[in-house]
């Protein structure tokens, strides 16, 4: 029997942003429901494990070794043209 794969795009980014802005919890409706629909309780367990791995990878890439290290300093202001080293004025 083939195990279904579930791809979740940008969930980790949104979770990290919510934590950086002070969220105590993040609601994950659709990914969990997709897992439930595909494989029941085991599907939910797999989705949550996958999301945890993705969050840990995102934290590692951001240089955060614990949740408390995810701060607002990781969030770029909207329209900031100086990120990525761009010094030209638009």
Protein backbone atom coordinates (compact mmCIF):
# COMPACT_ATOMS: atom_id res chain seq x y z
CA UNK A 1 0.00 0.00 0.00
CA UNK A 2 1.36 3.39 -0.99
CA UNK A 3 1.71 5.95 1.81
CA UNK A 4 0.28 9.32 0.75
CA UNK A 5 2.62 12.31 0.90
CA UNK A 6 1.34 15.64 2.13
CA UNK A 7 3.21 18.80 1.17
CA UNK A 8 2.64 21.86 3.32
CA UNK A 9 4.11 25.04 1.94
CA UNK A 10 5.12 27.97 4.10
CA UNK A 11 3.50 26.62 7.26
CA UNK A 12 6.85 26.75 9.06
CA UNK A 13 7.34 30.36 8.00
CA UNK A 14 3.95 31.36 9.40
CA UNK A 15 4.55 29.45 12.63
CA UNK A 16 7.93 31.12 13.15
CA UNK A 17 6.45 34.56 12.41
CA UNK A 18 3.63 33.99 14.88
CA UNK A 19 6.09 32.92 17.58
CA UNK A 20 8.32 35.91 16.82
CA UNK A 21 5.33 38.21 17.28
CA UNK A 22 4.56 36.70 20.67
CA UNK A 23 2.02 33.96 19.95
CA UNK A 24 1.68 31.32 22.66
CA UNK A 25 0.05 28.88 20.23
CA UNK A 26 -0.51 28.48 16.49
CA UNK A 27 -3.62 26.83 15.05
CA UNK A 28 -2.95 24.31 12.28
CA UNK A 29 -6.34 23.41 10.84
CA UNK A 30 -5.96 22.22 7.27
CA UNK A 31 -2.76 20.15 7.46
CA UNK A 32 -4.14 18.25 10.45
CA UNK A 33 -7.49 17.69 8.72
CA UNK A 34 -5.76 16.46 5.56
CA UNK A 35 -3.81 13.93 7.64
CA UNK A 36 -7.02 12.86 9.38
CA UNK A 37 -8.85 12.44 6.08
CA UNK A 38 -6.06 10.35 4.56
CA UNK A 39 -4.99 8.11 7.42
CA UNK A 40 -7.04 8.90 10.49
CA UNK A 41 -5.25 9.28 13.80
CA UNK A 42 -1.97 7.98 12.35
CA UNK A 43 -2.19 10.59 9.57
CA UNK A 44 -2.57 13.39 12.14
CA UNK A 45 0.43 12.02 14.04
CA UNK A 46 2.51 11.99 10.82
CA UNK A 47 1.50 15.54 9.89
CA UNK A 48 2.41 16.85 13.34
CA UNK A 49 5.76 15.04 13.21
CA UNK A 50 6.45 16.52 9.77
CA UNK A 51 5.54 20.03 10.93
CA UNK A 52 7.80 19.65 13.96
CA UNK A 53 10.71 18.58 11.73
CA UNK A 54 10.07 21.51 9.39
CA UNK A 55 9.95 23.95 12.33
CA UNK A 56 13.21 22.57 13.71
CA UNK A 57 14.85 22.91 10.29
CA UNK A 58 13.57 26.48 9.94
CA UNK A 59 14.90 27.31 13.39
CA UNK A 60 18.30 25.85 12.51
CA UNK A 61 18.46 27.85 9.28
CA UNK A 62 17.59 31.01 11.24
CA UNK A 63 20.23 30.23 13.88
CA UNK A 64 17.67 29.62 16.63
CA UNK A 65 18.52 26.79 19.01
CA UNK A 66 15.32 27.13 21.08
CA UNK A 67 11.85 28.64 20.67
CA UNK A 68 12.76 31.62 22.87
CA UNK A 69 15.40 32.59 20.28
CA UNK A 70 12.69 33.28 17.69
CA UNK A 71 12.24 37.02 18.09
CA UNK A 72 10.93 39.97 16.10
CA UNK A 73 14.47 40.61 14.86
CA UNK A 74 13.90 37.75 12.38
CA UNK A 75 11.01 39.58 10.70
CA UNK A 76 11.78 42.10 7.96
CA UNK A 77 9.50 45.14 7.73
CA UNK A 78 7.18 45.13 4.71
CA UNK A 79 8.72 47.05 1.81
CA UNK A 80 12.24 47.04 3.29
CA UNK A 81 14.45 47.45 0.20
CA UNK A 82 17.67 47.00 2.20
CA UNK A 83 17.22 43.30 2.91
CA UNK A 84 19.38 40.94 0.89
CA UNK A 85 22.04 43.66 0.73
CA UNK A 86 20.12 45.86 -1.73
CA UNK A 87 21.31 49.44 -1.10
CA UNK A 88 19.76 51.06 -4.17
CA UNK A 89 16.82 53.43 -3.73
CA UNK A 90 13.65 52.56 -5.62
